PDB file of N, CA and C in Angstrom:
ATOM      1  N   MET A   1       0.319  -1.089   0.115  1.00  0.00           N
ATOM      2  CA  MET A   1       0.110  -0.142   0.017  1.00  0.00           C
ATOM      3  C   MET A   1       0.899   1.365   0.009  1.00  0.00           C
ATOM      4  N   ALA A   2       2.590   0.954   0.653  1.00  0.00           N
ATOM      5  CA  ALA A   2       2.812   2.329   0.613  1.00  0.00           C
ATOM      6  C   ALA A   2       3.703   2.890  -1.168  1.00  0.00           C
ATOM      7  N   ARG A   3       2.682   2.029  -1.968  1.00  0.00           N
ATOM      8  CA  ARG A   3       3.073   2.037  -3.005  1.00  0.00           C
ATOM      9  C   ARG A   3       1.714   3.216  -4.174  1.00  0.00           C
ATOM     10  N   ILE A   4       0.456   3.697  -3.149  1.00  0.00           N
ATOM     11  CA  ILE A   4      -0.263   3.691  -4.027  1.00  0.00           C
ATOM     12  C   ILE A   4      -0.370   5.468  -3.670  1.00  0.00           C
ATOM     13  N   THR A   5      -0.236   6.166  -4.802  1.00  0.00           N
ATOM     14  CA  THR A   5       0.099   8.036  -4.660  1.00  0.00           C
ATOM     15  C   THR A   5      -0.954   8.694  -4.975  1.00  0.00           C
ATOM     16  N   ALA A   6      -2.226   7.959  -5.724  1.00  0.00           N
ATOM     17  CA  ALA A   6      -3.479   9.001  -5.049  1.00  0.00           C
ATOM     18  C   ALA A   6      -3.473   9.483  -3.293  1.00  0.00           C
ATOM     19  N   PRO A   7      -3.942  10.317  -4.023  1.00  0.00           N
ATOM     20  CA  PRO A   7      -5.150  11.047  -2.933  1.00  0.00           C
ATOM     21  C   PRO A   7      -6.001  10.024  -1.950  1.00  0.00           C
ATOM     22  N   THR A   8      -6.129   9.377  -0.886  1.00  0.00           N
ATOM     23  CA  THR A   8      -7.279   8.595  -1.078  1.00  0.00           C
ATOM     24  C   THR A   8      -7.989   8.687   1.182  1.00  0.00           C
ATOM     25  N   LEU A   9      -9.581   8.899   0.317  1.00  0.00           N
ATOM     26  CA  LEU A   9     -10.268   8.567   1.390  1.00  0.00           C
ATOM     27  C   LEU A   9     -11.217   7.624   1.754  1.00  0.00           C
ATOM     28  N   VAL A  10     -10.450   7.038   2.872  1.00  0.00           N
ATOM     29  CA  VAL A  10     -11.035   6.116   3.614  1.00  0.00           C
ATOM     30  C   VAL A  10     -12.378   6.347   4.519  1.00  0.00           C
ATOM     31  N   VAL A  11     -13.993   5.989   3.455  1.00  0.00           N
ATOM     32  CA  VAL A  11     -14.583   6.381   4.897  1.00  0.00           C
ATOM     33  C   VAL A  11     -15.293   4.742   5.603  1.00  0.00           C
ATOM     34  N   GLN A  12     -15.635   5.236   6.663  1.00  0.00           N
ATOM     35  CA  GLN A  12     -15.731   3.988   7.625  1.00  0.00           C
ATOM     36  C   GLN A  12     -16.970   4.330   8.715  1.00  0.00           C
ATOM     37  N   SER A  13     -18.140   3.337   8.371  1.00  0.00           N
ATOM     38  CA  SER A  13     -18.775   3.724   9.658  1.00  0.00           C
ATOM     39  C   SER A  13     -18.118   3.315  10.878  1.00  0.00           C
ATOM     40  N   SER A  14     -18.506   4.158  12.105  1.00  0.00           N
ATOM     41  CA  SER A  14     -17.984   4.137  12.642  1.00  0.00           C
ATOM     42  C   SER A  14     -18.598   2.757  13.586  1.00  0.00           C
ATOM     43  N   ASN A  15     -19.397   2.760  13.472  1.00  0.00           N
ATOM     44  CA  ASN A  15     -20.450   1.630  14.241  1.00  0.00           C
ATOM     45  C   ASN A  15     -20.599  -0.237  13.644  1.00  0.00           C
ATOM     46  N   ASP A  16     -19.762  -0.382  12.543  1.00  0.00           N
ATOM     47  CA  ASP A  16     -19.597  -1.422  11.833  1.00  0.00           C
ATOM     48  C   ASP A  16     -19.016  -2.762  12.299  1.00  0.00           C
ATOM     49  N   PRO A  17     -20.126  -3.904  12.571  1.00  0.00           N
ATOM     50  CA  PRO A  17     -19.866  -4.852  13.193  1.00  0.00           C
ATOM     51  C   PRO A  17     -19.250  -5.911  12.262  1.00  0.00           C
ATOM     52  N   ALA A  18     -18.800  -5.359  10.667  1.00  0.00           N
ATOM     53  CA  ALA A  18     -18.483  -6.530  10.340  1.00  0.00           C
ATOM     54  C   ALA A  18     -15.691  -6.188   9.848  1.00  0.00           C
ATOM     55  N   VAL A  19     -16.280  -5.109   9.767  1.00  0.00           N
ATOM     56  CA  VAL A  19     -14.716  -4.233  10.180  1.00  0.00           C
ATOM     57  C   VAL A  19     -14.661  -2.858  11.334  1.00  0.00           C
ATOM     58  N   PRO A  20     -14.071  -3.535  12.250  1.00  0.00           N
ATOM     59  CA  PRO A  20     -13.631  -2.321  12.861  1.00  0.00           C
ATOM     60  C   PRO A  20     -12.701  -1.442  12.589  1.00  0.00           C
ATOM     61  N   LEU A  21     -13.568  -0.347  13.195  1.00  0.00           N
ATOM     62  CA  LEU A  21     -12.853   1.122  12.942  1.00  0.00           C
ATOM     63  C   LEU A  21     -11.102   1.496  13.523  1.00  0.00           C
ATOM     64  N   GLU A  22     -10.815   0.748  13.977  1.00  0.00           N
ATOM     65  CA  GLU A  22      -9.004   0.702  13.547  1.00  0.00           C
ATOM     66  C   GLU A  22      -8.265  -0.383  12.610  1.00  0.00           C
ATOM     67  N   ALA A  23      -8.878  -1.187  12.125  1.00  0.00           N
ATOM     68  CA  ALA A  23      -8.363  -2.018  10.424  1.00  0.00           C
ATOM     69  C   ALA A  23      -8.842  -0.457   9.945  1.00  0.00           C
ATOM     70  N   ALA A  24     -10.043   0.212  10.104  1.00  0.00           N
ATOM     71  CA  ALA A  24     -10.051   1.098   8.847  1.00  0.00           C
ATOM     72  C   ALA A  24      -8.964   2.530   8.887  1.00  0.00           C
ATOM     73  N   SER A  25      -8.358   2.797  10.178  1.00  0.00           N
ATOM     74  CA  SER A  25      -7.823   3.157  10.564  1.00  0.00           C
ATOM     75  C   SER A  25      -5.503   2.899  10.309  1.00  0.00           C
ATOM     76  N   TRP A  26      -6.141   1.584  10.777  1.00  0.00           N
ATOM     77  CA  TRP A  26      -4.280   1.266  10.447  1.00  0.00           C
ATOM     78  C   TRP A  26      -5.043   1.568   8.765  1.00  0.00           C
ATOM     79  N   LEU A  27      -5.701   0.818   8.136  1.00  0.00           N
ATOM     80  CA  LEU A  27      -5.315   1.249   6.186  1.00  0.00           C
ATOM     81  C   LEU A  27      -5.031   2.441   5.841  1.00  0.00           C
ATOM     82  N   ALA A  28      -5.789   3.548   6.636  1.00  0.00           N
ATOM     83  CA  ALA A  28      -5.442   5.051   6.224  1.00  0.00           C
ATOM     84  C   ALA A  28      -3.805   5.046   7.187  1.00  0.00           C
ATOM     85  N   SER A  29      -3.925   4.553   7.415  1.00  0.00           N
ATOM     86  CA  SER A  29      -1.940   5.326   7.582  1.00  0.00           C
ATOM     87  C   SER A  29      -1.556   4.126   6.862  1.00  0.00           C
ATOM     88  N   ALA A  30      -1.343   2.972   6.472  1.00  0.00           N
ATOM     89  CA  ALA A  30      -0.842   3.196   5.692  1.00  0.00           C
ATOM     90  C   ALA A  30      -1.106   2.918   4.262  1.00  0.00           C
ATOM     91  N   ILE A  31      -0.939   4.083   4.417  1.00  0.00           N
ATOM     92  CA  ILE A  31      -1.413   4.286   2.251  1.00  0.00           C
ATOM     93  C   ILE A  31      -0.781   5.945   2.687  1.00  0.00           C
ATOM     94  N   PRO A  32      -0.046   6.477   1.773  1.00  0.00           N
ATOM     95  CA  PRO A  32       0.820   7.885   1.761  1.00  0.00           C
ATOM     96  C   PRO A  32      -0.526   8.561   2.040  1.00  0.00           C
ATOM     97  N   ASN A  33      -0.271  10.400   2.245  1.00  0.00           N
ATOM     98  CA  ASN A  33      -1.770  11.097   1.682  1.00  0.00           C
ATOM     99  C   ASN A  33      -3.050  10.290   2.323  1.00  0.00           C
ATOM    100  N   ALA A  34      -3.371   9.208   3.143  1.00  0.00           N
ATOM    101  CA  ALA A  34      -3.847   9.124   3.083  1.00  0.00           C
ATOM    102  C   ALA A  34      -5.537   9.817   4.216  1.00  0.00           C
ATOM    103  N   ARG A  35      -6.405   9.629   3.775  1.00  0.00           N
ATOM    104  CA  ARG A  35      -7.658   9.947   5.451  1.00  0.00           C
ATOM    105  C   ARG A  35      -8.504   9.211   5.586  1.00  0.00           C
ATOM    106  N   LEU A  36      -8.827   9.219   6.631  1.00  0.00           N
ATOM    107  CA  LEU A  36     -10.061   8.362   7.963  1.00  0.00           C
ATOM    108  C   LEU A  36     -10.487   9.449   8.073  1.00  0.00           C
ATOM    109  N   LEU A  37     -12.237   8.720   7.450  1.00  0.00           N
ATOM    110  CA  LEU A  37     -13.254   9.610   7.646  1.00  0.00           C
ATOM    111  C   LEU A  37     -13.921   8.707   8.126  1.00  0.00           C
ATOM    112  N   PRO A  38     -14.220   8.099   9.741  1.00  0.00           N
ATOM    113  CA  PRO A  38     -15.629   7.601  10.570  1.00  0.00           C
ATOM    114  C   PRO A  38     -16.494   8.184  10.174  1.00  0.00           C
ATOM    115  N   LEU A  39     -17.546   7.644   9.990  1.00  0.00           N
ATOM    116  CA  LEU A  39     -19.004   8.672   9.887  1.00  0.00           C
ATOM    117  C   LEU A  39     -19.599   7.515  11.310  1.00  0.00           C
ATOM    118  N   VAL A  40     -20.468   8.472  11.292  1.00  0.00           N
ATOM    119  CA  VAL A  40     -21.494   8.128  12.894  1.00  0.00           C
ATOM    120  C   VAL A  40     -22.918   7.538  11.941  1.00  0.00           C
ATOM    121  N   CYS A  41     -22.845   6.314  11.805  1.00  0.00           N
ATOM    122  CA  CYS A  41     -24.314   5.078  11.676  1.00  0.00           C
ATOM    123  C   CYS A  41     -23.875   4.088  11.366  1.00  0.00           C
ATOM    124  N   GLU A  42     -24.636   3.244  11.564  1.00  0.00           N
ATOM    125  CA  GLU A  42     -24.713   1.640  11.791  1.00  0.00           C
ATOM    126  C   GLU A  42     -24.541   1.203  10.346  1.00  0.00           C
ATOM    127  N   GLY A  43     -23.664  -0.279  10.727  1.00  0.00           N
ATOM    128  CA  GLY A  43     -23.749  -1.400   9.692  1.00  0.00           C
ATOM    129  C   GLY A  43     -22.375  -1.535   9.184  1.00  0.00           C
ATOM    130  N   HIS A  44     -22.447  -1.867   7.997  1.00  0.00           N
ATOM    131  CA  HIS A  44     -21.252  -2.359   7.097  1.00  0.00           C
ATOM    132  C   HIS A  44     -21.061  -1.372   5.634  1.00  0.00           C
ATOM    133  N   PHE A  45     -22.391  -1.043   5.942  1.00  0.00           N
ATOM    134  CA  PHE A  45     -22.340  -0.112   4.092  1.00  0.00           C
ATOM    135  C   PHE A  45     -23.015   1.352   3.732  1.00  0.00           C
ATOM    136  N   PRO A  46     -22.558   2.179   4.876  1.00  0.00           N
ATOM    137  CA  PRO A  46     -22.088   3.592   4.860  1.00  0.00           C
ATOM    138  C   PRO A  46     -22.778   4.015   3.819  1.00  0.00           C
ATOM    139  N   HIS A  47     -22.908   3.710   2.688  1.00  0.00           N
ATOM    140  CA  HIS A  47     -23.480   4.270   1.382  1.00  0.00           C
ATOM    141  C   HIS A  47     -24.936   4.118   1.152  1.00  0.00           C
ATOM    142  N   ILE A  48     -25.371   2.776   1.660  1.00  0.00           N
ATOM    143  CA  ILE A  48     -26.804   2.501   1.628  1.00  0.00           C
ATOM    144  C   ILE A  48     -27.150   2.783   3.060  1.00  0.00           C
ATOM    145  N   VAL A  49     -26.815   2.767   3.946  1.00  0.00           N
ATOM    146  CA  VAL A  49     -27.496   3.512   4.928  1.00  0.00           C
ATOM    147  C   VAL A  49     -28.113   4.955   5.592  1.00  0.00           C
ATOM    148  N   ASP A  50     -26.738   5.565   4.639  1.00  0.00           N
ATOM    149  CA  ASP A  50     -26.689   7.086   4.815  1.00  0.00           C
ATOM    150  C   ASP A  50     -26.072   7.428   3.970  1.00  0.00           C
ATOM    151  N   PRO A  51     -26.378   7.446   2.419  1.00  0.00           N
ATOM    152  CA  PRO A  51     -26.191   8.217   1.462  1.00  0.00           C
ATOM    153  C   PRO A  51     -25.693   9.475   1.174  1.00  0.00           C
ATOM    154  N   ALA A  52     -26.334  10.003   2.293  1.00  0.00           N
ATOM    155  CA  ALA A  52     -25.981  11.450   1.900  1.00  0.00           C
ATOM    156  C   ALA A  52     -25.248  11.884   3.179  1.00  0.00           C
ATOM    157  N   ALA A  53     -25.175  11.706   4.662  1.00  0.00           N
ATOM    158  CA  ALA A  53     -23.544  11.658   4.778  1.00  0.00           C
ATOM    159  C   ALA A  53     -21.830  11.034   4.029  1.00  0.00           C
ATOM    160  N   VAL A  54     -22.532   9.812   3.449  1.00  0.00           N
ATOM    161  CA  VAL A  54     -21.173   9.689   2.341  1.00  0.00           C
ATOM    162  C   VAL A  54     -20.343  10.857   1.025  1.00  0.00           C
ATOM    163  N   ILE A  55     -21.582  11.739   0.642  1.00  0.00           N
ATOM    164  CA  ILE A  55     -21.656  12.320  -0.801  1.00  0.00           C
ATOM    165  C   ILE A  55     -21.335  13.257   0.613  1.00  0.00           C
ATOM    166  N   ALA A  56     -21.486  13.589   1.480  1.00  0.00           N
ATOM    167  CA  ALA A  56     -21.468  15.567   2.378  1.00  0.00           C
ATOM    168  C   ALA A  56     -19.676  14.422   2.198  1.00  0.00           C
ATOM    169  N   ALA A  57     -19.461  14.027   2.458  1.00  0.00           N
ATOM    170  CA  ALA A  57     -17.235  13.811   2.461  1.00  0.00           C
ATOM    171  C   ALA A  57     -17.040  13.390   1.510  1.00  0.00           C
ATOM    172  N   ILE A  58     -17.504  12.397   0.940  1.00  0.00           N
ATOM    173  CA  ILE A  58     -16.013  12.688  -0.866  1.00  0.00           C
ATOM    174  C   ILE A  58     -16.516  13.906  -1.000  1.00  0.00           C
ATOM    175  N   GLY A  59     -17.469  15.057  -1.490  1.00  0.00           N
ATOM    176  CA  GLY A  59     -17.671  15.839  -1.848  1.00  0.00           C
ATOM    177  C   GLY A  59     -16.675  17.112  -1.746  1.00  0.00           C
ATOM    178  N   PRO A  60     -16.749  17.054  -0.537  1.00  0.00           N
ATOM    179  CA  PRO A  60     -15.333  18.312  -0.683  1.00  0.00           C
ATOM    180  C   PRO A  60     -13.895  17.611  -1.042  1.00  0.00           C
ATOM    181  N   PHE A  61     -13.541  16.414   0.117  1.00  0.00           N
ATOM    182  CA  PHE A  61     -11.806  15.980  -0.612  1.00  0.00           C
ATOM    183  C   PHE A  61     -11.897  15.554  -2.066  1.00  0.00           C
ATOM    184  N   LEU A  62     -12.574  15.781  -3.009  1.00  0.00           N
ATOM    185  CA  LEU A  62     -12.508  15.860  -4.143  1.00  0.00           C
ATOM    186  C   LEU A  62     -12.284  17.366  -4.934  1.00  0.00           C
ATOM    187  N   GLN A  63     -12.796  18.236  -4.095  1.00  0.00           N
ATOM    188  CA  GLN A  63     -12.928  18.862  -4.890  1.00  0.00           C
ATOM    189  C   GLN A  63     -11.617  20.122  -3.863  1.00  0.00           C
ATOM    190  N   GLN A  64     -11.204  19.483  -3.151  1.00  0.00           N
ATOM    191  CA  GLN A  64      -9.579  19.888  -2.046  1.00  0.00           C
ATOM    192  C   GLN A  64      -8.573  19.201  -3.566  1.00  0.00           C
ATOM    193  N   VAL A  65      -8.813  17.496  -3.651  1.00  0.00           N
ATOM    194  CA  VAL A  65      -7.849  17.253  -4.468  1.00  0.00           C
ATOM    195  C   VAL A  65      -7.604  17.512  -6.073  1.00  0.00           C
ATOM    196  N   MET A  66      -8.737  18.396  -5.946  1.00  0.00           N
ATOM    197  CA  MET A  66      -8.840  18.677  -7.670  1.00  0.00           C
ATOM    198  C   MET A  66      -8.616  20.215  -8.273  1.00  0.00           C
ATOM    199  N   ALA A  67      -8.903  20.804  -6.865  1.00  0.00           N
ATOM    200  CA  ALA A  67      -8.280  22.292  -6.590  1.00  0.00           C
ATOM    201  C   ALA A  67      -6.415  22.066  -7.193  1.00  0.00           C
TER     202      ALA A  67
END
């Protein structure tokens, strides 16, 4: 993962029963220029449970990296 050069946003549900937040934190720390964004929502699929929150998170990230 250290070879990934693209800006990366790791989006993670803070209450994911399948993947703990610590795993997402490790992933974000293993990728250079990655950011972890824990979302306060339930479940393993935040893009389904709370799509508005995911879109709200991705939009500013894309604006920043595309600037």
